[in-house]
Protein backbone atom coordinates (compact mmCIF):
# COMPACT_ATOMS: atom_id res chain seq x y z
CA MET A 1 37.77 -11.94 -116.08
CA ALA A 2 37.29 -13.04 -112.46
CA GLN A 3 33.92 -12.55 -110.86
CA GLN A 4 33.81 -10.21 -107.95
CA LYS A 5 32.64 -11.75 -104.73
CA GLN A 6 29.40 -10.15 -103.61
CA ASP A 7 29.50 -8.75 -100.07
CA MET A 8 26.94 -10.70 -98.06
CA ARG A 9 26.26 -9.23 -94.65
CA CYS A 10 23.45 -9.30 -92.16
CA PRO A 11 21.72 -5.90 -92.17
CA ALA A 12 21.85 -5.81 -88.38
CA GLY A 13 25.55 -6.66 -88.41
CA LEU A 14 24.99 -9.39 -85.88
CA PHE A 15 25.88 -12.46 -87.93
CA SER A 16 29.46 -11.72 -88.82
CA VAL A 17 32.84 -12.54 -87.37
CA GLY A 18 32.34 -12.00 -83.67
CA GLY A 19 28.58 -12.01 -84.20
CA ARG A 20 28.04 -14.26 -81.22
CA LEU A 21 29.39 -11.60 -78.89
CA LYS A 22 27.16 -8.98 -80.52
CA LEU A 23 24.16 -11.25 -80.01
CA ARG A 24 25.00 -11.69 -76.34
CA ILE A 25 25.47 -7.95 -75.81
CA SER A 26 22.13 -7.26 -77.49
CA TYR A 27 20.43 -9.99 -75.46
CA HIS A 28 21.68 -8.58 -72.16
CA LEU A 29 20.50 -5.10 -73.13
CA LEU A 30 16.94 -6.43 -73.59
CA SER A 31 16.55 -6.27 -69.81
CA GLY A 32 17.47 -2.59 -69.75
CA THR A 33 20.29 -0.07 -69.78
CA LYS A 34 23.71 -1.36 -68.72
CA ARG A 35 27.05 0.20 -67.93
CA PHE A 36 30.27 -1.16 -69.43
CA GLY A 37 31.27 -2.92 -66.20
CA GLU A 38 27.91 -4.66 -65.98
CA LEU A 39 28.26 -5.99 -69.53
CA GLN A 40 31.79 -7.13 -68.76
CA ARG A 41 30.55 -9.10 -65.73
CA LEU A 42 27.73 -10.63 -67.78
CA ILE A 43 30.16 -11.69 -70.55
CA PRO A 44 33.39 -12.48 -68.63
CA GLU A 45 35.14 -14.22 -71.55
CA ALA A 46 35.06 -10.99 -73.58
CA SER A 47 38.17 -8.87 -73.13
CA ARG A 48 37.74 -5.14 -72.51
CA GLN A 49 39.10 -4.46 -75.98
CA MET A 50 36.74 -6.89 -77.76
CA LEU A 51 33.74 -5.65 -75.80
CA THR A 52 34.60 -2.06 -76.68
CA ILE A 53 35.00 -2.92 -80.37
CA HIS A 54 31.67 -4.71 -80.55
CA LEU A 55 29.85 -1.99 -78.63
CA ARG A 56 31.17 0.58 -81.11
CA GLU A 57 30.13 -1.56 -84.08
CA LEU A 58 26.63 -2.05 -82.67
CA GLU A 59 26.38 1.70 -82.10
CA GLN A 60 27.46 2.42 -85.70
CA LEU A 61 24.85 -0.04 -86.95
CA GLY A 62 22.15 1.75 -84.97
CA VAL A 63 21.40 -1.26 -82.75
CA LEU A 64 22.38 0.43 -79.51
CA GLN A 65 22.91 3.91 -78.22
CA ARG A 66 25.69 5.13 -75.97
CA GLN A 67 24.84 7.78 -73.39
CA VAL A 68 27.79 9.66 -71.87
CA TYR A 69 27.24 11.62 -68.65
CA GLU A 70 29.65 14.48 -68.05
CA GLN A 71 30.55 13.83 -64.45
CA MET A 72 33.46 12.63 -62.38
CA PRO A 73 34.08 9.77 -62.58
CA PRO A 74 32.75 9.52 -66.15
CA LYS A 75 29.60 7.44 -66.61
CA VAL A 76 28.59 5.72 -69.85
CA GLU A 77 25.43 3.68 -70.35
CA TYR A 78 24.34 1.47 -73.24
CA SER A 79 20.79 0.69 -74.28
CA LEU A 80 19.03 -0.77 -77.30
CA THR A 81 17.53 1.50 -79.91
CA GLU A 82 14.15 0.79 -81.45
CA GLN A 83 15.97 -1.05 -84.23
CA GLY A 84 17.74 -3.21 -81.66
CA ARG A 85 14.49 -3.94 -79.82
CA ARG A 86 12.95 -5.28 -83.03
CA ALA A 87 15.29 -8.27 -82.78
CA GLU A 88 14.00 -9.24 -79.32
CA ARG A 89 12.01 -12.29 -80.42
CA VAL A 90 14.92 -13.64 -82.46
CA LEU A 91 17.44 -13.02 -79.66
CA ARG A 92 15.26 -14.86 -77.14
CA GLN A 93 14.79 -17.78 -79.54
CA LEU A 94 18.53 -18.00 -80.19
CA LYS A 95 19.21 -18.02 -76.45
CA ASP A 96 16.65 -20.80 -75.90
CA MET A 97 18.08 -22.85 -78.76
CA SER A 98 21.65 -22.45 -77.51
CA GLU A 99 20.65 -23.55 -74.01
CA GLN A 100 18.92 -26.63 -75.45
CA MET A 101 22.11 -27.52 -77.31
CA GLY A 102 24.28 -26.90 -74.26
CA ILE A 103 25.99 -23.86 -75.76
CA THR A 104 26.73 -20.80 -73.65
CA PHE A 105 24.96 -17.82 -75.14
């Protein structure tokens, strides 16, 4: 009988396929609430579709919250939850390490 592969996943959902983008989104939200367009400018290599997918996944994981304002034109803001803020030290260290290695974070 074949052994079942155990599902290994980071509890924060950050270190998975596409985890680098999730880390960058979370890092940029450390400085405060951002709108979708702001995040897109901060992470220009992320397509609208990929950014949307990762924002939804981070929201489902409880790392960020999405605030929708009922107005015209519609306004949506993203901010870190308390759970997301707990990763601040790690996010800052990862950013520093990536800069030292010459990797865009």
